[in-house]
Amino acid sequence: MGIGGVILNFIGAVIRWVYGIIWRTFFNKSKFTFNEYVNGFRNSDDTFDEIIAHQFNNKIIGAIFIGIIISILT
């Protein structure tokens, strides 16, 4: 993963983490750590919870966020 992938992964993880904190606080559910949003959830038997899936989701969310910011600024 190049520097662009790392940046998109981090931006997407931050957005997912903030959304998760708000959502899980509102519905009184257990919260995940930031590290779990970046690297995937620990001790999960779900095949979707593989590290690659979380990084892919983070990159997509990061790219959408950057696209929205660029469209607002131009």
PDB file of N, CA and C in Angstrom:
ATOM      1  N   MET A   1       0.862  -1.165   0.000  1.00  0.00           N
ATOM      2  CA  MET A   1       0.000   0.000   0.000  1.00  0.00           C
ATOM      3  C   MET A   1       0.905   1.223   0.000  1.00  0.00           C
ATOM      4  N   GLY A   2       0.692   2.090  -0.979  1.00  0.00           N
ATOM      5  CA  GLY A   2       1.482   3.307  -1.090  1.00  0.00           C
ATOM      6  C   GLY A   2       1.019   4.368  -0.114  1.00  0.00           C
ATOM      7  N   ILE A   3       1.657   5.525  -0.191  1.00  0.00           N
ATOM      8  CA  ILE A   3       1.341   6.615   0.731  1.00  0.00           C
ATOM      9  C   ILE A   3      -0.099   7.100   0.539  1.00  0.00           C
ATOM     10  N   GLY A   4      -0.584   7.109  -0.707  1.00  0.00           N
ATOM     11  CA  GLY A   4      -1.974   7.499  -0.959  1.00  0.00           C
ATOM     12  C   GLY A   4      -2.956   6.545  -0.291  1.00  0.00           C
ATOM     13  N   GLY A   5      -2.666   5.253  -0.350  1.00  0.00           N
ATOM     14  CA  GLY A   5      -3.518   4.258   0.305  1.00  0.00           C
ATOM     15  C   GLY A   5      -3.518   4.402   1.808  1.00  0.00           C
ATOM     16  N   VAL A   6      -2.345   4.708   2.359  1.00  0.00           N
ATOM     17  CA  VAL A   6      -2.246   4.906   3.806  1.00  0.00           C
ATOM     18  C   VAL A   6      -3.062   6.123   4.233  1.00  0.00           C
ATOM     19  N   ILE A   7      -2.973   7.191   3.469  1.00  0.00           N
ATOM     20  CA  ILE A   7      -3.714   8.416   3.803  1.00  0.00           C
ATOM     21  C   ILE A   7      -5.217   8.179   3.688  1.00  0.00           C
ATOM     22  N   LEU A   8      -5.656   7.539   2.600  1.00  0.00           N
ATOM     23  CA  LEU A   8      -7.082   7.247   2.439  1.00  0.00           C
ATOM     24  C   LEU A   8      -7.577   6.294   3.528  1.00  0.00           C
ATOM     25  N   ASN A   9      -6.758   5.305   3.882  1.00  0.00           N
ATOM     26  CA  ASN A   9      -7.120   4.372   4.944  1.00  0.00           C
ATOM     27  C   ASN A   9      -7.309   5.122   6.262  1.00  0.00           C
ATOM     28  N   PHE A  10      -6.416   6.047   6.576  1.00  0.00           N
ATOM     29  CA  PHE A  10      -6.499   6.802   7.820  1.00  0.00           C
ATOM     30  C   PHE A  10      -7.721   7.723   7.832  1.00  0.00           C
ATOM     31  N   ILE A  11      -7.951   8.448   6.738  1.00  0.00           N
ATOM     32  CA  ILE A  11      -9.107   9.355   6.660  1.00  0.00           C
ATOM     33  C   ILE A  11     -10.408   8.563   6.795  1.00  0.00           C
ATOM     34  N   GLY A  12     -10.509   7.456   6.074  1.00  0.00           N
ATOM     35  CA  GLY A  12     -11.705   6.621   6.160  1.00  0.00           C
ATOM     36  C   GLY A  12     -11.908   6.040   7.547  1.00  0.00           C
ATOM     37  N   ALA A  13     -10.810   5.624   8.189  1.00  0.00           N
ATOM     38  CA  ALA A  13     -10.915   5.075   9.546  1.00  0.00           C
ATOM     39  C   ALA A  13     -11.383   6.138  10.532  1.00  0.00           C
ATOM     40  N   VAL A  14     -10.885   7.367  10.386  1.00  0.00           N
ATOM     41  CA  VAL A  14     -11.316   8.456  11.270  1.00  0.00           C
ATOM     42  C   VAL A  14     -12.809   8.714  11.107  1.00  0.00           C
ATOM     43  N   ILE A  15     -13.274   8.765   9.867  1.00  0.00           N
ATOM     44  CA  ILE A  15     -14.700   9.020   9.616  1.00  0.00           C
ATOM     45  C   ILE A  15     -15.546   7.873  10.173  1.00  0.00           C
ATOM     46  N   ARG A  16     -15.136   6.638   9.940  1.00  0.00           N
ATOM     47  CA  ARG A  16     -15.881   5.494  10.468  1.00  0.00           C
ATOM     48  C   ARG A  16     -15.864   5.473  11.991  1.00  0.00           C
ATOM     49  N   TRP A  17     -14.740   5.819  12.596  1.00  0.00           N
ATOM     50  CA  TRP A  17     -14.611   5.831  14.044  1.00  0.00           C
ATOM     51  C   TRP A  17     -15.525   6.884  14.666  1.00  0.00           C
ATOM     52  N   VAL A  18     -15.519   8.113  14.115  1.00  0.00           N
ATOM     53  CA  VAL A  18     -16.379   9.183  14.636  1.00  0.00           C
ATOM     54  C   VAL A  18     -17.846   8.784  14.477  1.00  0.00           C
ATOM     55  N   TYR A  19     -18.211   8.289  13.304  1.00  0.00           N
ATOM     56  CA  TYR A  19     -19.584   7.843  13.079  1.00  0.00           C
ATOM     57  C   TYR A  19     -19.954   6.724  14.053  1.00  0.00           C
ATOM     58  N   GLY A  20     -19.044   5.769  14.255  1.00  0.00           N
ATOM     59  CA  GLY A  20     -19.295   4.653  15.168  1.00  0.00           C
ATOM     60  C   GLY A  20     -19.462   5.112  16.609  1.00  0.00           C
ATOM     61  N   ILE A  21     -18.645   6.065  17.034  1.00  0.00           N
ATOM     62  CA  ILE A  21     -18.760   6.593  18.398  1.00  0.00           C
ATOM     63  C   ILE A  21     -20.125   7.246  18.593  1.00  0.00           C
ATOM     64  N   ILE A  22     -20.533   8.066  17.646  1.00  0.00           N
ATOM     65  CA  ILE A  22     -21.826   8.758  17.760  1.00  0.00           C
ATOM     66  C   ILE A  22     -22.972   7.741  17.720  1.00  0.00           C
ATOM     67  N   TRP A  23     -22.951   6.836  16.745  1.00  0.00           N
ATOM     68  CA  TRP A  23     -24.009   5.855  16.563  1.00  0.00           C
ATOM     69  C   TRP A  23     -24.119   4.939  17.780  1.00  0.00           C
ATOM     70  N   ARG A  24     -22.993   4.419  18.241  1.00  0.00           N
ATOM     71  CA  ARG A  24     -23.007   3.460  19.345  1.00  0.00           C
ATOM     72  C   ARG A  24     -23.320   4.133  20.678  1.00  0.00           C
ATOM     73  N   THR A  25     -22.979   5.408  20.824  1.00  0.00           N
ATOM     74  CA  THR A  25     -23.360   6.134  22.032  1.00  0.00           C
ATOM     75  C   THR A  25     -24.863   6.377  22.037  1.00  0.00           C
ATOM     76  N   PHE A  26     -25.395   6.762  20.891  1.00  0.00           N
ATOM     77  CA  PHE A  26     -26.818   7.046  20.767  1.00  0.00           C
ATOM     78  C   PHE A  26     -27.665   5.807  21.065  1.00  0.00           C
ATOM     79  N   PHE A  27     -27.229   4.638  20.596  1.00  0.00           N
ATOM     80  CA  PHE A  27     -27.974   3.404  20.793  1.00  0.00           C
ATOM     81  C   PHE A  27     -27.440   2.549  21.942  1.00  0.00           C
ATOM     82  N   ASN A  28     -26.524   3.108  22.740  1.00  0.00           N
ATOM     83  CA  ASN A  28     -25.999   2.460  23.947  1.00  0.00           C
ATOM     84  C   ASN A  28     -25.420   1.068  23.651  1.00  0.00           C
ATOM     85  N   LYS A  29     -24.558   1.003  22.662  1.00  0.00           N
ATOM     86  CA  LYS A  29     -23.886  -0.250  22.295  1.00  0.00           C
ATOM     87  C   LYS A  29     -22.409  -0.135  22.632  1.00  0.00           C
ATOM     88  N   SER A  30     -21.727  -1.273  22.667  1.00  0.00           N
ATOM     89  CA  SER A  30     -20.296  -1.256  22.971  1.00  0.00           C
ATOM     90  C   SER A  30     -19.526  -0.578  21.840  1.00  0.00           C
ATOM     91  N   LYS A  31     -18.466   0.120  22.201  1.00  0.00           N
ATOM     92  CA  LYS A  31     -17.673   0.879  21.228  1.00  0.00           C
ATOM     93  C   LYS A  31     -16.416   0.105  20.857  1.00  0.00           C
ATOM     94  N   PHE A  32     -15.925   0.366  19.645  1.00  0.00           N
ATOM     95  CA  PHE A  32     -14.682  -0.230  19.178  1.00  0.00           C
ATOM     96  C   PHE A  32     -13.556   0.787  19.292  1.00  0.00           C
ATOM     97  N   THR A  33     -12.333   0.304  19.357  1.00  0.00           N
ATOM     98  CA  THR A  33     -11.188   1.204  19.415  1.00  0.00           C
ATOM     99  C   THR A  33     -10.857   1.704  18.014  1.00  0.00           C
ATOM    100  N   PHE A  34     -10.104   2.796  17.969  1.00  0.00           N
ATOM    101  CA  PHE A  34      -9.688   3.334  16.671  1.00  0.00           C
ATOM    102  C   PHE A  34      -8.843   2.309  15.926  1.00  0.00           C
ATOM    103  N   ASN A  35      -8.008   1.589  16.638  1.00  0.00           N
ATOM    104  CA  ASN A  35      -7.146   0.584  16.019  1.00  0.00           C
ATOM    105  C   ASN A  35      -7.975  -0.503  15.324  1.00  0.00           C
ATOM    106  N   GLU A  36      -9.122  -0.835  15.882  1.00  0.00           N
ATOM    107  CA  GLU A  36      -9.978  -1.838  15.247  1.00  0.00           C
ATOM    108  C   GLU A  36     -10.592  -1.314  13.950  1.00  0.00           C
ATOM    109  N   TYR A  37     -10.853  -0.018  13.883  1.00  0.00           N
ATOM    110  CA  TYR A  37     -11.364   0.548  12.630  1.00  0.00           C
ATOM    111  C   TYR A  37     -10.274   0.594  11.561  1.00  0.00           C
ATOM    112  N   VAL A  38      -9.032   0.778  11.962  1.00  0.00           N
ATOM    113  CA  VAL A  38      -7.929   0.837  10.991  1.00  0.00           C
ATOM    114  C   VAL A  38      -7.530  -0.570  10.546  1.00  0.00           C
ATOM    115  N   ASN A  39      -7.371  -1.486  11.495  1.00  0.00           N
ATOM    116  CA  ASN A  39      -6.806  -2.800  11.191  1.00  0.00           C
ATOM    117  C   ASN A  39      -7.807  -3.944  11.205  1.00  0.00           C
ATOM    118  N   GLY A  40      -9.063  -3.678  11.437  1.00  0.00           N
ATOM    119  CA  GLY A  40     -10.061  -4.737  11.514  1.00  0.00           C
ATOM    120  C   GLY A  40     -10.316  -5.144  12.956  1.00  0.00           C
ATOM    121  N   PHE A  41     -11.441  -5.802  13.169  1.00  0.00           N
ATOM    122  CA  PHE A  41     -11.838  -6.188  14.519  1.00  0.00           C
ATOM    123  C   PHE A  41     -11.106  -7.439  14.957  1.00  0.00           C
ATOM    124  N   ARG A  42     -10.793  -7.504  16.229  1.00  0.00           N
ATOM    125  CA  ARG A  42     -10.083  -8.671  16.762  1.00  0.00           C
ATOM    126  C   ARG A  42     -11.083  -9.756  17.140  1.00  0.00           C
ATOM    127  N   ASN A  43     -10.644 -10.977  17.052  1.00  0.00           N
ATOM    128  CA  ASN A  43     -11.420 -12.141  17.488  1.00  0.00           C
ATOM    129  C   ASN A  43     -12.799 -12.201  16.839  1.00  0.00           C
ATOM    130  N   SER A  44     -12.841 -12.028  15.553  1.00  0.00           N
ATOM    131  CA  SER A  44     -14.105 -12.110  14.823  1.00  0.00           C
ATOM    132  C   SER A  44     -14.060 -13.304  13.888  1.00  0.00           C
ATOM    133  N   ASP A  45     -15.156 -14.054  13.859  1.00  0.00           N
ATOM    134  CA  ASP A  45     -15.241 -15.217  12.976  1.00  0.00           C
ATOM    135  C   ASP A  45     -15.870 -14.874  11.635  1.00  0.00           C
ATOM    136  N   ASP A  46     -16.324 -13.643  11.486  1.00  0.00           N
ATOM    137  CA  ASP A  46     -16.972 -13.210  10.254  1.00  0.00           C
ATOM    138  C   ASP A  46     -15.921 -12.997   9.171  1.00  0.00           C
ATOM    139  N   THR A  47     -16.139 -13.554   7.995  1.00  0.00           N
ATOM    140  CA  THR A  47     -15.150 -13.411   6.919  1.00  0.00           C
ATOM    141  C   THR A  47     -15.073 -11.973   6.420  1.00  0.00           C
ATOM    142  N   PHE A  48     -16.150 -11.182   6.613  1.00  0.00           N
ATOM    143  CA  PHE A  48     -16.127  -9.780   6.203  1.00  0.00           C
ATOM    144  C   PHE A  48     -15.160  -8.964   7.051  1.00  0.00           C
ATOM    145  N   ASP A  49     -14.862  -9.424   8.260  1.00  0.00           N
ATOM    146  CA  ASP A  49     -14.015  -8.672   9.172  1.00  0.00           C
ATOM    147  C   ASP A  49     -12.527  -8.874   8.925  1.00  0.00           C
ATOM    148  N   GLU A  50     -12.162  -9.343   7.771  1.00  0.00           N
ATOM    149  CA  GLU A  50     -10.750  -9.463   7.440  1.00  0.00           C
ATOM    150  C   GLU A  50     -10.143  -8.073   7.297  1.00  0.00           C
ATOM    151  N   ILE A  51      -8.852  -7.969   7.504  1.00  0.00           N
ATOM    152  CA  ILE A  51      -8.163  -6.675   7.457  1.00  0.00           C
ATOM    153  C   ILE A  51      -8.346  -6.007   6.098  1.00  0.00           C
ATOM    154  N   ILE A  52      -8.281  -6.776   5.036  1.00  0.00           N
ATOM    155  CA  ILE A  52      -8.380  -6.204   3.690  1.00  0.00           C
ATOM    156  C   ILE A  52      -9.735  -5.538   3.490  1.00  0.00           C
ATOM    157  N   ALA A  53     -10.792  -6.132   4.018  1.00  0.00           N
ATOM    158  CA  ALA A  53     -12.131  -5.550   3.859  1.00  0.00           C
ATOM    159  C   ALA A  53     -12.222  -4.203   4.562  1.00  0.00           C
ATOM    160  N   HIS A  54     -11.660  -4.092   5.744  1.00  0.00           N
ATOM    161  CA  HIS A  54     -11.718  -2.827   6.471  1.00  0.00           C
ATOM    162  C   HIS A  54     -10.873  -1.758   5.786  1.00  0.00           C
ATOM    163  N   GLN A  55      -9.702  -2.126   5.310  1.00  0.00           N
ATOM    164  CA  GLN A  55      -8.877  -1.162   4.596  1.00  0.00           C
ATOM    165  C   GLN A  55      -9.555  -0.713   3.311  1.00  0.00           C
ATOM    166  N   PHE A  56     -10.215  -1.619   2.608  1.00  0.00           N
ATOM    167  CA  PHE A  56     -10.937  -1.268   1.393  1.00  0.00           C
ATOM    168  C   PHE A  56     -12.064  -0.281   1.706  1.00  0.00           C
ATOM    169  N   ASN A  57     -12.843  -0.575   2.733  1.00  0.00           N
ATOM    170  CA  ASN A  57     -13.922   0.333   3.134  1.00  0.00           C
ATOM    171  C   ASN A  57     -13.368   1.697   3.521  1.00  0.00           C
ATOM    172  N   ASN A  58     -12.274   1.714   4.272  1.00  0.00           N
ATOM    173  CA  ASN A  58     -11.666   2.974   4.677  1.00  0.00           C
ATOM    174  C   ASN A  58     -11.216   3.789   3.469  1.00  0.00           C
ATOM    175  N   LYS A  59     -10.618   3.116   2.500  1.00  0.00           N
ATOM    176  CA  LYS A  59     -10.135   3.820   1.304  1.00  0.00           C
ATOM    177  C   LYS A  59     -11.289   4.387   0.485  1.00  0.00           C
ATOM    178  N   ILE A  60     -12.370   3.627   0.350  1.00  0.00           N
ATOM    179  CA  ILE A  60     -13.535   4.117  -0.392  1.00  0.00           C
ATOM    180  C   ILE A  60     -14.133   5.333   0.308  1.00  0.00           C
ATOM    181  N   ILE A  61     -14.312   5.243   1.612  1.00  0.00           N
ATOM    182  CA  ILE A  61     -14.866   6.365   2.378  1.00  0.00           C
ATOM    183  C   ILE A  61     -13.931   7.567   2.310  1.00  0.00           C
ATOM    184  N   GLY A  62     -12.625   7.338   2.418  1.00  0.00           N
ATOM    185  CA  GLY A  62     -11.654   8.431   2.315  1.00  0.00           C
ATOM    186  C   GLY A  62     -11.684   9.095   0.954  1.00  0.00           C
ATOM    187  N   ALA A  63     -11.793   8.300  -0.115  1.00  0.00           N
ATOM    188  CA  ALA A  63     -11.844   8.860  -1.466  1.00  0.00           C
ATOM    189  C   ALA A  63     -13.124   9.674  -1.674  1.00  0.00           C
ATOM    190  N   ILE A  64     -14.243   9.174  -1.175  1.00  0.00           N
ATOM    191  CA  ILE A  64     -15.501   9.921  -1.283  1.00  0.00           C
ATOM    192  C   ILE A  64     -15.402  11.232  -0.519  1.00  0.00           C
ATOM    193  N   PHE A  65     -14.825  11.184   0.670  1.00  0.00           N
ATOM    194  CA  PHE A  65     -14.671  12.394   1.486  1.00  0.00           C
ATOM    195  C   PHE A  65     -13.800  13.422   0.772  1.00  0.00           C
ATOM    196  N   ILE A  66     -12.666  12.991   0.238  1.00  0.00           N
ATOM    197  CA  ILE A  66     -11.776  13.914  -0.469  1.00  0.00           C
ATOM    198  C   ILE A  66     -12.474  14.463  -1.715  1.00  0.00           C
ATOM    199  N   GLY A  67     -13.230  13.620  -2.431  1.00  0.00           N
ATOM    200  CA  GLY A  67     -13.985  14.078  -3.586  1.00  0.00           C
ATOM    201  C   GLY A  67     -15.004  15.137  -3.220  1.00  0.00           C
ATOM    202  N   ILE A  68     -15.691  14.952  -2.100  1.00  0.00           N
ATOM    203  CA  ILE A  68     -16.664  15.947  -1.639  1.00  0.00           C
ATOM    204  C   ILE A  68     -15.961  17.257  -1.271  1.00  0.00           C
ATOM    205  N   ILE A  69     -14.850  17.170  -0.578  1.00  0.00           N
ATOM    206  CA  ILE A  69     -14.093  18.372  -0.195  1.00  0.00           C
ATOM    207  C   ILE A  69     -13.612  19.126  -1.438  1.00  0.00           C
ATOM    208  N   ILE A  70     -13.082  18.395  -2.419  1.00  0.00           N
ATOM    209  CA  ILE A  70     -12.606  19.038  -3.640  1.00  0.00           C
ATOM    210  C   ILE A  70     -13.757  19.689  -4.400  1.00  0.00           C
ATOM    211  N   SER A  71     -14.891  19.009  -4.462  1.00  0.00           N
ATOM    212  CA  SER A  71     -16.036  19.592  -5.181  1.00  0.00           C
ATOM    213  C   SER A  71     -16.574  20.833  -4.462  1.00  0.00           C
ATOM    214  N   ILE A  72     -16.496  20.865  -3.154  1.00  0.00           N
ATOM    215  CA  ILE A  72     -16.927  22.047  -2.398  1.00  0.00           C
ATOM    216  C   ILE A  72     -15.969  23.220  -2.628  1.00  0.00           C
ATOM    217  N   LEU A  73     -14.687  22.923  -2.697  1.00  0.00           N
ATOM    218  CA  LEU A  73     -13.676  23.980  -2.814  1.00  0.00           C
ATOM    219  C   LEU A  73     -13.542  24.525  -4.237  1.00  0.00           C
ATOM    220  N   THR A  74     -14.035  23.793  -5.213  1.00  0.00           N
ATOM    221  CA  THR A  74     -13.894  24.280  -6.583  1.00  0.00           C
ATOM    222  C   THR A  74     -15.183  24.829  -7.137  1.00  0.00           C
TER     223      THR A  74
END
